[in-house]
């Protein structure tokens, strides 16, 4: 079983991808096309996009599917939990620890 990554371990680009998927509501059976997801990202996150996606999929944070000959992805429950951890960390930075 893989250890839960620290926030420092996940690159800013991968964090941006996960947060963009969350904002697009690409969760579970609701997938976003990889083309549309890539369009939402900064230029920095677009570099090596598929490499980032494959690494996120290997860590079970996202699921890549191929409906209608078009690649799409959605957050898994593990990915969703990690997004929540990112958001809690960001909130703590702004408001201070609870």
PDB file of N, CA and C in Angstrom:
ATOM      1  N   UNK A   1       0.839  -1.184   0.000  1.00  0.00           N
ATOM      2  CA  UNK A   1       0.000   0.000   0.000  1.00  0.00           C
ATOM      3  C   UNK A   1       0.880   1.242   0.000  1.00  0.00           C
ATOM      4  N   UNK A   2       0.543   2.218  -0.837  1.00  0.00           N
ATOM      5  CA  UNK A   2       1.335   3.438  -0.933  1.00  0.00           C
ATOM      6  C   UNK A   2       1.045   4.367   0.234  1.00  0.00           C
ATOM      7  N   UNK A   3       2.081   5.071   0.652  1.00  0.00           N
ATOM      8  CA  UNK A   3       1.905   6.057   1.716  1.00  0.00           C
ATOM      9  C   UNK A   3       1.205   7.290   1.146  1.00  0.00           C
ATOM     10  N   UNK A   4       0.445   7.946   1.985  1.00  0.00           N
ATOM     11  CA  UNK A   4      -0.234   9.176   1.596  1.00  0.00           C
ATOM     12  C   UNK A   4       0.816  10.240   1.349  1.00  0.00           C
ATOM     13  N   UNK A   5       0.804  10.943   0.193  1.00  0.00           N
ATOM     14  CA  UNK A   5       1.854  11.914  -0.095  1.00  0.00           C
ATOM     15  C   UNK A   5       1.689  13.176   0.749  1.00  0.00           C
ATOM     16  N   UNK A   6       2.813  13.760   1.106  1.00  0.00           N
ATOM     17  CA  UNK A   6       2.742  15.059   1.775  1.00  0.00           C
ATOM     18  C   UNK A   6       2.433  16.102   0.708  1.00  0.00           C
ATOM     19  N   UNK A   7       1.973  17.276   1.145  1.00  0.00           N
ATOM     20  CA  UNK A   7       1.643  18.318   0.169  1.00  0.00           C
ATOM     21  C   UNK A   7       2.873  18.735  -0.615  1.00  0.00           C
ATOM     22  N   UNK A   8       4.054  18.667   0.017  1.00  0.00           N
ATOM     23  CA  UNK A   8       5.281  19.051  -0.666  1.00  0.00           C
ATOM     24  C   UNK A   8       5.676  18.029  -1.730  1.00  0.00           C
ATOM     25  N   UNK A   9       5.236  16.791  -1.570  1.00  0.00           N
ATOM     26  CA  UNK A   9       5.611  15.722  -2.484  1.00  0.00           C
ATOM     27  C   UNK A   9       4.875  15.821  -3.820  1.00  0.00           C
ATOM     28  N   UNK A  10       3.676  16.329  -3.830  1.00  0.00           N
ATOM     29  CA  UNK A  10       2.892  16.452  -5.051  1.00  0.00           C
ATOM     30  C   UNK A  10       3.224  17.794  -5.701  1.00  0.00           C
ATOM     31  N   UNK A  11       3.633  17.765  -6.959  1.00  0.00           N
ATOM     32  CA  UNK A  11       4.074  18.991  -7.636  1.00  0.00           C
ATOM     33  C   UNK A  11       2.926  19.991  -7.761  1.00  0.00           C
ATOM     34  N   UNK A  12       3.262  21.274  -7.873  1.00  0.00           N
ATOM     35  CA  UNK A  12       2.218  22.295  -8.059  1.00  0.00           C
ATOM     36  C   UNK A  12       1.369  22.034  -9.303  1.00  0.00           C
ATOM     37  N   UNK A  13       1.978  21.463 -10.337  1.00  0.00           N
ATOM     38  CA  UNK A  13       1.232  21.180 -11.555  1.00  0.00           C
ATOM     39  C   UNK A  13       0.178  20.095 -11.302  1.00  0.00           C
ATOM     40  N   UNK A  14       0.553  19.067 -10.571  1.00  0.00           N
ATOM     41  CA  UNK A  14      -0.403  17.999 -10.280  1.00  0.00           C
ATOM     42  C   UNK A  14      -1.504  18.509  -9.359  1.00  0.00           C
ATOM     43  N   UNK A  15      -1.143  19.355  -8.406  1.00  0.00           N
ATOM     44  CA  UNK A  15      -2.150  19.954  -7.525  1.00  0.00           C
ATOM     45  C   UNK A  15      -3.136  20.782  -8.344  1.00  0.00           C
ATOM     46  N   UNK A  16      -2.619  21.545  -9.322  1.00  0.00           N
ATOM     47  CA  UNK A  16      -3.483  22.361 -10.173  1.00  0.00           C
ATOM     48  C   UNK A  16      -4.428  21.481 -10.991  1.00  0.00           C
ATOM     49  N   UNK A  17      -3.927  20.374 -11.490  1.00  0.00           N
ATOM     50  CA  UNK A  17      -4.769  19.450 -12.257  1.00  0.00           C
ATOM     51  C   UNK A  17      -5.900  18.923 -11.377  1.00  0.00           C
ATOM     52  N   UNK A  18      -5.563  18.468 -10.172  1.00  0.00           N
ATOM     53  CA  UNK A  18      -6.594  17.931  -9.272  1.00  0.00           C
ATOM     54  C   UNK A  18      -7.628  18.997  -8.922  1.00  0.00           C
ATOM     55  N   UNK A  19      -7.174  20.205  -8.610  1.00  0.00           N
ATOM     56  CA  UNK A  19      -8.106  21.277  -8.255  1.00  0.00           C
ATOM     57  C   UNK A  19      -8.969  21.681  -9.455  1.00  0.00           C
ATOM     58  N   UNK A  20      -8.403  21.671 -10.645  1.00  0.00           N
ATOM     59  CA  UNK A  20      -9.179  21.991 -11.852  1.00  0.00           C
ATOM     60  C   UNK A  20     -10.248  20.941 -12.103  1.00  0.00           C
ATOM     61  N   UNK A  21      -9.913  19.695 -11.842  1.00  0.00           N
ATOM     62  CA  UNK A  21     -10.905  18.627 -12.002  1.00  0.00           C
ATOM     63  C   UNK A  21     -12.026  18.807 -10.982  1.00  0.00           C
ATOM     64  N   UNK A  22     -11.677  19.188  -9.763  1.00  0.00           N
ATOM     65  CA  UNK A  22     -12.671  19.443  -8.714  1.00  0.00           C
ATOM     66  C   UNK A  22     -13.606  20.583  -9.146  1.00  0.00           C
ATOM     67  N   UNK A  23     -13.024  21.667  -9.651  1.00  0.00           N
ATOM     68  CA  UNK A  23     -13.833  22.826 -10.067  1.00  0.00           C
ATOM     69  C   UNK A  23     -14.748  22.464 -11.241  1.00  0.00           C
ATOM     70  N   UNK A  24     -14.300  21.538 -12.074  1.00  0.00           N
ATOM     71  CA  UNK A  24     -15.115  21.096 -13.218  1.00  0.00           C
ATOM     72  C   UNK A  24     -16.126  20.025 -12.812  1.00  0.00           C
ATOM     73  N   UNK A  25     -16.111  19.648 -11.539  1.00  0.00           N
ATOM     74  CA  UNK A  25     -17.004  18.608 -11.010  1.00  0.00           C
ATOM     75  C   UNK A  25     -16.793  17.263 -11.707  1.00  0.00           C
ATOM     76  N   UNK A  26     -15.533  16.989 -12.069  1.00  0.00           N
ATOM     77  CA  UNK A  26     -15.177  15.721 -12.702  1.00  0.00           C
ATOM     78  C   UNK A  26     -14.892  14.705 -11.601  1.00  0.00           C
ATOM     79  N   UNK A  27     -15.962  14.151 -11.045  1.00  0.00           N
ATOM     80  CA  UNK A  27     -15.861  13.258  -9.896  1.00  0.00           C
ATOM     81  C   UNK A  27     -16.633  11.975 -10.209  1.00  0.00           C
ATOM     82  N   UNK A  28     -16.001  10.851  -9.927  1.00  0.00           N
ATOM     83  CA  UNK A  28     -16.680   9.570 -10.128  1.00  0.00           C
ATOM     84  C   UNK A  28     -17.068   9.336 -11.580  1.00  0.00           C
ATOM     85  N   UNK A  29     -18.367   9.179 -11.834  1.00  0.00           N
ATOM     86  CA  UNK A  29     -18.851   8.920 -13.192  1.00  0.00           C
ATOM     87  C   UNK A  29     -18.923  10.165 -14.063  1.00  0.00           C
ATOM     88  N   UNK A  30     -18.751  11.347 -13.485  1.00  0.00           N
ATOM     89  CA  UNK A  30     -18.772  12.602 -14.256  1.00  0.00           C
ATOM     90  C   UNK A  30     -17.355  12.961 -14.663  1.00  0.00           C
ATOM     91  N   UNK A  31     -16.978  12.628 -15.854  1.00  0.00           N
ATOM     92  CA  UNK A  31     -15.617  12.848 -16.336  1.00  0.00           C
ATOM     93  C   UNK A  31     -15.541  14.124 -17.165  1.00  0.00           C
ATOM     94  N   UNK A  32     -14.330  14.660 -17.267  1.00  0.00           N
ATOM     95  CA  UNK A  32     -14.052  15.797 -18.130  1.00  0.00           C
ATOM     96  C   UNK A  32     -13.090  15.317 -19.207  1.00  0.00           C
ATOM     97  N   UNK A  33     -13.283  15.777 -20.435  1.00  0.00           N
ATOM     98  CA  UNK A  33     -12.357  15.366 -21.488  1.00  0.00           C
ATOM     99  C   UNK A  33     -10.976  15.941 -21.168  1.00  0.00           C
ATOM    100  N   UNK A  34      -9.956  15.193 -21.523  1.00  0.00           N
ATOM    101  CA  UNK A  34      -8.599  15.658 -21.243  1.00  0.00           C
ATOM    102  C   UNK A  34      -8.303  16.943 -22.004  1.00  0.00           C
ATOM    103  N   UNK A  35      -8.904  17.084 -23.156  1.00  0.00           N
ATOM    104  CA  UNK A  35      -8.730  18.314 -23.942  1.00  0.00           C
ATOM    105  C   UNK A  35      -9.306  19.521 -23.189  1.00  0.00           C
ATOM    106  N   UNK A  36     -10.509  19.368 -22.645  1.00  0.00           N
ATOM    107  CA  UNK A  36     -11.128  20.463 -21.887  1.00  0.00           C
ATOM    108  C   UNK A  36     -10.372  20.736 -20.596  1.00  0.00           C
ATOM    109  N   UNK A  37      -9.905  19.695 -19.946  1.00  0.00           N
ATOM    110  CA  UNK A  37      -9.142  19.867 -18.716  1.00  0.00           C
ATOM    111  C   UNK A  37      -7.854  20.621 -18.999  1.00  0.00           C
ATOM    112  N   UNK A  38      -7.153  20.230 -20.032  1.00  0.00           N
ATOM    113  CA  UNK A  38      -5.891  20.888 -20.386  1.00  0.00           C
ATOM    114  C   UNK A  38      -6.111  22.366 -20.693  1.00  0.00           C
ATOM    115  N   UNK A  39      -7.240  22.699 -21.302  1.00  0.00           N
ATOM    116  CA  UNK A  39      -7.544  24.094 -21.638  1.00  0.00           C
ATOM    117  C   UNK A  39      -7.722  24.961 -20.390  1.00  0.00           C
ATOM    118  N   UNK A  40      -8.075  24.368 -19.261  1.00  0.00           N
ATOM    119  CA  UNK A  40      -8.279  25.102 -18.013  1.00  0.00           C
ATOM    120  C   UNK A  40      -6.978  25.409 -17.274  1.00  0.00           C
ATOM    121  N   UNK A  41      -5.877  24.786 -17.677  1.00  0.00           N
ATOM    122  CA  UNK A  41      -4.628  24.845 -16.925  1.00  0.00           C
ATOM    123  C   UNK A  41      -3.719  25.973 -17.372  1.00  0.00           C
ATOM    124  N   UNK A  42      -2.817  26.354 -16.473  1.00  0.00           N
ATOM    125  CA  UNK A  42      -1.790  27.337 -16.818  1.00  0.00           C
ATOM    126  C   UNK A  42      -0.790  26.678 -17.760  1.00  0.00           C
ATOM    127  N   UNK A  43       0.014  27.500 -18.409  1.00  0.00           N
ATOM    128  CA  UNK A  43       1.017  26.965 -19.327  1.00  0.00           C
ATOM    129  C   UNK A  43       1.974  26.016 -18.610  1.00  0.00           C
ATOM    130  N   UNK A  44       2.324  26.336 -17.376  1.00  0.00           N
ATOM    131  CA  UNK A  44       3.224  25.487 -16.599  1.00  0.00           C
ATOM    132  C   UNK A  44       2.641  24.090 -16.408  1.00  0.00           C
ATOM    133  N   UNK A  45       1.365  24.018 -16.084  1.00  0.00           N
ATOM    134  CA  UNK A  45       0.722  22.722 -15.856  1.00  0.00           C
ATOM    135  C   UNK A  45       0.470  21.969 -17.167  1.00  0.00           C
ATOM    136  N   UNK A  46       0.396  22.697 -18.278  1.00  0.00           N
ATOM    137  CA  UNK A  46       0.182  22.039 -19.578  1.00  0.00           C
ATOM    138  C   UNK A  46       1.417  21.280 -20.041  1.00  0.00           C
ATOM    139  N   UNK A  47       2.602  21.729 -19.577  1.00  0.00           N
ATOM    140  CA  UNK A  47       3.822  21.014 -19.939  1.00  0.00           C
ATOM    141  C   UNK A  47       3.781  19.623 -19.312  1.00  0.00           C
ATOM    142  N   UNK A  48       4.074  18.637 -20.066  1.00  0.00           N
ATOM    143  CA  UNK A  48       4.082  17.244 -19.599  1.00  0.00           C
ATOM    144  C   UNK A  48       2.742  16.825 -18.997  1.00  0.00           C
ATOM    145  N   UNK A  49       1.654  17.351 -19.548  1.00  0.00           N
ATOM    146  CA  UNK A  49       0.317  17.097 -19.017  1.00  0.00           C
ATOM    147  C   UNK A  49       0.011  15.603 -18.919  1.00  0.00           C
ATOM    148  N   UNK A  50       0.253  14.866 -19.992  1.00  0.00           N
ATOM    149  CA  UNK A  50      -0.080  13.437 -19.967  1.00  0.00           C
ATOM    150  C   UNK A  50       0.800  12.679 -18.978  1.00  0.00           C
ATOM    151  N   UNK A  51       2.028  13.096 -18.821  1.00  0.00           N
ATOM    152  CA  UNK A  51       2.906  12.480 -17.831  1.00  0.00           C
ATOM    153  C   UNK A  51       2.347  12.693 -16.424  1.00  0.00           C
ATOM    154  N   UNK A  52       1.895  13.910 -16.136  1.00  0.00           N
ATOM    155  CA  UNK A  52       1.287  14.206 -14.837  1.00  0.00           C
ATOM    156  C   UNK A  52       0.028  13.361 -14.632  1.00  0.00           C
ATOM    157  N   UNK A  53      -0.795  13.257 -15.672  1.00  0.00           N
ATOM    158  CA  UNK A  53      -2.037  12.490 -15.560  1.00  0.00           C
ATOM    159  C   UNK A  53      -1.751  11.010 -15.300  1.00  0.00           C
ATOM    160  N   UNK A  54      -0.777  10.459 -15.998  1.00  0.00           N
ATOM    161  CA  UNK A  54      -0.444   9.045 -15.806  1.00  0.00           C
ATOM    162  C   UNK A  54       0.087   8.795 -14.393  1.00  0.00           C
ATOM    163  N   UNK A  55       0.860   9.747 -13.858  1.00  0.00           N
ATOM    164  CA  UNK A  55       1.361   9.588 -12.494  1.00  0.00           C
ATOM    165  C   UNK A  55       0.226   9.710 -11.479  1.00  0.00           C
ATOM    166  N   UNK A  56      -0.710  10.627 -11.717  1.00  0.00           N
ATOM    167  CA  UNK A  56      -1.874  10.743 -10.835  1.00  0.00           C
ATOM    168  C   UNK A  56      -2.735   9.483 -10.900  1.00  0.00           C
ATOM    169  N   UNK A  57      -2.854   8.918 -12.094  1.00  0.00           N
ATOM    170  CA  UNK A  57      -3.620   7.676 -12.243  1.00  0.00           C
ATOM    171  C   UNK A  57      -2.914   6.516 -11.528  1.00  0.00           C
ATOM    172  N   UNK A  58      -1.593   6.476 -11.618  1.00  0.00           N
ATOM    173  CA  UNK A  58      -0.835   5.412 -10.949  1.00  0.00           C
ATOM    174  C   UNK A  58      -0.992   5.489  -9.433  1.00  0.00           C
ATOM    175  N   UNK A  59      -1.192   6.700  -8.911  1.00  0.00           N
ATOM    176  CA  UNK A  59      -1.389   6.879  -7.466  1.00  0.00           C
ATOM    177  C   UNK A  59      -2.854   6.756  -7.071  1.00  0.00           C
ATOM    178  N   UNK A  60      -3.708   6.425  -8.052  1.00  0.00           N
ATOM    179  CA  UNK A  60      -5.145   6.219  -7.849  1.00  0.00           C
ATOM    180  C   UNK A  60      -5.898   7.505  -7.492  1.00  0.00           C
ATOM    181  N   UNK A  61      -5.356   8.657  -7.850  1.00  0.00           N
ATOM    182  CA  UNK A  61      -6.030   9.940  -7.612  1.00  0.00           C
ATOM    183  C   UNK A  61      -7.048  10.239  -8.702  1.00  0.00           C
ATOM    184  N   UNK A  62      -6.775   9.772  -9.927  1.00  0.00           N
ATOM    185  CA  UNK A  62      -7.690   9.996 -11.045  1.00  0.00           C
ATOM    186  C   UNK A  62      -7.895   8.688 -11.787  1.00  0.00           C
ATOM    187  N   UNK A  63      -8.980   8.644 -12.536  1.00  0.00           N
ATOM    188  CA  UNK A  63      -9.264   7.512 -13.409  1.00  0.00           C
ATOM    189  C   UNK A  63      -9.378   8.059 -14.818  1.00  0.00           C
ATOM    190  N   UNK A  64      -8.614   7.505 -15.737  1.00  0.00           N
ATOM    191  CA  UNK A  64      -8.672   7.917 -17.143  1.00  0.00           C
ATOM    192  C   UNK A  64      -9.513   6.892 -17.878  1.00  0.00           C
ATOM    193  N   UNK A  65     -10.508   7.384 -18.602  1.00  0.00           N
ATOM    194  CA  UNK A  65     -11.408   6.510 -19.356  1.00  0.00           C
ATOM    195  C   UNK A  65     -11.399   6.930 -20.825  1.00  0.00           C
ATOM    196  N   UNK A  66     -12.016   6.135 -21.654  1.00  0.00           N
ATOM    197  CA  UNK A  66     -12.008   6.391 -23.099  1.00  0.00           C
ATOM    198  C   UNK A  66     -13.407   6.264 -23.697  1.00  0.00           C
ATOM    199  N   UNK A  67     -14.352   7.089 -23.273  1.00  0.00           N
ATOM    200  CA  UNK A  67     -15.694   7.000 -23.862  1.00  0.00           C
ATOM    201  C   UNK A  67     -15.719   7.633 -25.257  1.00  0.00           C
ATOM    202  N   UNK A  68     -16.412   7.015 -26.151  1.00  0.00           N
ATOM    203  CA  UNK A  68     -16.608   7.575 -27.497  1.00  0.00           C
ATOM    204  C   UNK A  68     -15.299   7.980 -28.167  1.00  0.00           C
ATOM    205  N   UNK A  69     -14.263   7.157 -27.993  1.00  0.00           N
ATOM    206  CA  UNK A  69     -12.966   7.406 -28.639  1.00  0.00           C
ATOM    207  C   UNK A  69     -12.310   8.711 -28.172  1.00  0.00           C
ATOM    208  N   UNK A  70     -12.720   9.259 -27.053  1.00  0.00           N
ATOM    209  CA  UNK A  70     -12.157  10.505 -26.533  1.00  0.00           C
ATOM    210  C   UNK A  70     -11.677  10.247 -25.108  1.00  0.00           C
ATOM    211  N   UNK A  71     -10.437  10.626 -24.811  1.00  0.00           N
ATOM    212  CA  UNK A  71      -9.904  10.432 -23.464  1.00  0.00           C
ATOM    213  C   UNK A  71     -10.545  11.415 -22.500  1.00  0.00           C
ATOM    214  N   UNK A  72     -10.896  10.925 -21.328  1.00  0.00           N
ATOM    215  CA  UNK A  72     -11.504  11.751 -20.291  1.00  0.00           C
ATOM    216  C   UNK A  72     -10.996  11.250 -18.947  1.00  0.00           C
ATOM    217  N   UNK A  73     -11.205  12.056 -17.917  1.00  0.00           N
ATOM    218  CA  UNK A  73     -10.737  11.669 -16.589  1.00  0.00           C
ATOM    219  C   UNK A  73     -11.685  12.187 -15.524  1.00  0.00           C
ATOM    220  N   UNK A  74     -11.641  11.518 -14.380  1.00  0.00           N
ATOM    221  CA  UNK A  74     -12.415  11.964 -13.221  1.00  0.00           C
ATOM    222  C   UNK A  74     -11.627  11.665 -11.955  1.00  0.00           C
ATOM    223  N   UNK A  75     -11.969  12.375 -10.899  1.00  0.00           N
ATOM    224  CA  UNK A  75     -11.346  12.148  -9.599  1.00  0.00           C
ATOM    225  C   UNK A  75     -11.886  10.859  -8.990  1.00  0.00           C
ATOM    226  N   UNK A  76     -11.028  10.119  -8.364  1.00  0.00           N
ATOM    227  CA  UNK A  76     -11.432   8.941  -7.605  1.00  0.00           C
ATOM    228  C   UNK A  76     -11.735   9.392  -6.171  1.00  0.00           C
ATOM    229  N   UNK A  77     -12.298   8.531  -5.348  1.00  0.00           N
ATOM    230  CA  UNK A  77     -12.493   8.908  -3.938  1.00  0.00           C
ATOM    231  C   UNK A  77     -11.182   9.309  -3.246  1.00  0.00           C
ATOM    232  N   UNK A  78     -10.079   8.650  -3.593  1.00  0.00           N
ATOM    233  CA  UNK A  78      -8.787   9.017  -3.007  1.00  0.00           C
ATOM    234  C   UNK A  78      -8.371  10.408  -3.487  1.00  0.00           C
ATOM    235  N   UNK A  79      -8.552  10.676  -4.767  1.00  0.00           N
ATOM    236  CA  UNK A  79      -8.229  12.001  -5.302  1.00  0.00           C
ATOM    237  C   UNK A  79      -9.083  13.087  -4.678  1.00  0.00           C
ATOM    238  N   UNK A  80     -10.345  12.777  -4.487  1.00  0.00           N
ATOM    239  CA  UNK A  80     -11.261  13.730  -3.863  1.00  0.00           C
ATOM    240  C   UNK A  80     -10.839  14.023  -2.420  1.00  0.00           C
ATOM    241  N   UNK A  81     -10.426  13.003  -1.691  1.00  0.00           N
ATOM    242  CA  UNK A  81      -9.948  13.202  -0.316  1.00  0.00           C
ATOM    243  C   UNK A  81      -8.692  14.066  -0.301  1.00  0.00           C
ATOM    244  N   UNK A  82      -7.822  13.868  -1.292  1.00  0.00           N
ATOM    245  CA  UNK A  82      -6.601  14.676  -1.351  1.00  0.00           C
ATOM    246  C   UNK A  82      -6.916  16.125  -1.694  1.00  0.00           C
ATOM    247  N   UNK A  83      -7.877  16.352  -2.580  1.00  0.00           N
ATOM    248  CA  UNK A  83      -8.294  17.733  -2.891  1.00  0.00           C
ATOM    249  C   UNK A  83      -8.788  18.406  -1.619  1.00  0.00           C
ATOM    250  N   UNK A  84      -9.546  17.678  -0.818  1.00  0.00           N
ATOM    251  CA  UNK A  84     -10.043  18.226   0.452  1.00  0.00           C
ATOM    252  C   UNK A  84      -8.883  18.595   1.372  1.00  0.00           C
ATOM    253  N   UNK A  85      -7.850  17.767   1.397  1.00  0.00           N
ATOM    254  CA  UNK A  85      -6.664  18.050   2.205  1.00  0.00           C
ATOM    255  C   UNK A  85      -5.959  19.307   1.699  1.00  0.00           C
ATOM    256  N   UNK A  86      -5.869  19.461   0.381  1.00  0.00           N
ATOM    257  CA  UNK A  86      -5.263  20.664  -0.197  1.00  0.00           C
ATOM    258  C   UNK A  86      -6.064  21.891   0.223  1.00  0.00           C
ATOM    259  N   UNK A  87      -7.381  21.814   0.089  1.00  0.00           N
ATOM    260  CA  UNK A  87      -8.237  22.949   0.442  1.00  0.00           C
ATOM    261  C   UNK A  87      -8.131  23.290   1.922  1.00  0.00           C
ATOM    262  N   UNK A  88      -8.098  22.288   2.788  1.00  0.00           N
ATOM    263  CA  UNK A  88      -7.950  22.544   4.220  1.00  0.00           C
ATOM    264  C   UNK A  88      -6.611  23.219   4.516  1.00  0.00           C
ATOM    265  N   UNK A  89      -5.550  22.779   3.846  1.00  0.00           N
ATOM    266  CA  UNK A  89      -4.235  23.394   4.022  1.00  0.00           C
ATOM    267  C   UNK A  89      -4.223  24.831   3.564  1.00  0.00           C
ATOM    268  N   UNK A  90      -4.868  25.100   2.427  1.00  0.00           N
ATOM    269  CA  UNK A  90      -4.944  26.471   1.918  1.00  0.00           C
ATOM    270  C   UNK A  90      -5.751  27.351   2.859  1.00  0.00           C
ATOM    271  N   UNK A  91      -6.827  26.818   3.415  1.00  0.00           N
ATOM    272  CA  UNK A  91      -7.652  27.566   4.354  1.00  0.00           C
ATOM    273  C   UNK A  91      -6.872  27.874   5.632  1.00  0.00           C
ATOM    274  N   UNK A  92      -6.099  26.899   6.114  1.00  0.00           N
ATOM    275  CA  UNK A  92      -5.281  27.114   7.306  1.00  0.00           C
ATOM    276  C   UNK A  92      -4.243  28.214   7.076  1.00  0.00           C
ATOM    277  N   UNK A  93      -3.698  28.279   5.859  1.00  0.00           N
ATOM    278  CA  UNK A  93      -2.710  29.331   5.556  1.00  0.00           C
ATOM    279  C   UNK A  93      -3.348  30.705   5.611  1.00  0.00           C
ATOM    280  N   UNK A  94      -4.600  30.825   5.163  1.00  0.00           N
ATOM    281  CA  UNK A  94      -5.286  32.114   5.117  1.00  0.00           C
ATOM    282  C   UNK A  94      -5.853  32.483   6.487  1.00  0.00           C
ATOM    283  N   UNK A  95      -6.535  31.550   7.119  1.00  0.00           N
ATOM    284  CA  UNK A  95      -7.261  31.856   8.357  1.00  0.00           C
ATOM    285  C   UNK A  95      -6.517  31.435   9.617  1.00  0.00           C
ATOM    286  N   UNK A  96      -5.456  30.689   9.478  1.00  0.00           N
ATOM    287  CA  UNK A  96      -4.764  30.169  10.643  1.00  0.00           C
ATOM    288  C   UNK A  96      -5.338  28.837  11.046  1.00  0.00           C
ATOM    289  N   UNK A  97      -4.576  28.058  11.819  1.00  0.00           N
ATOM    290  CA  UNK A  97      -5.058  26.744  12.218  1.00  0.00           C
ATOM    291  C   UNK A  97      -6.334  26.832  13.052  1.00  0.00           C
ATOM    292  N   UNK A  98      -7.160  25.796  12.920  1.00  0.00           N
ATOM    293  CA  UNK A  98      -8.422  25.784  13.670  1.00  0.00           C
ATOM    294  C   UNK A  98      -8.221  25.266  15.060  1.00  0.00           C
TER     295      UNK A  98
END
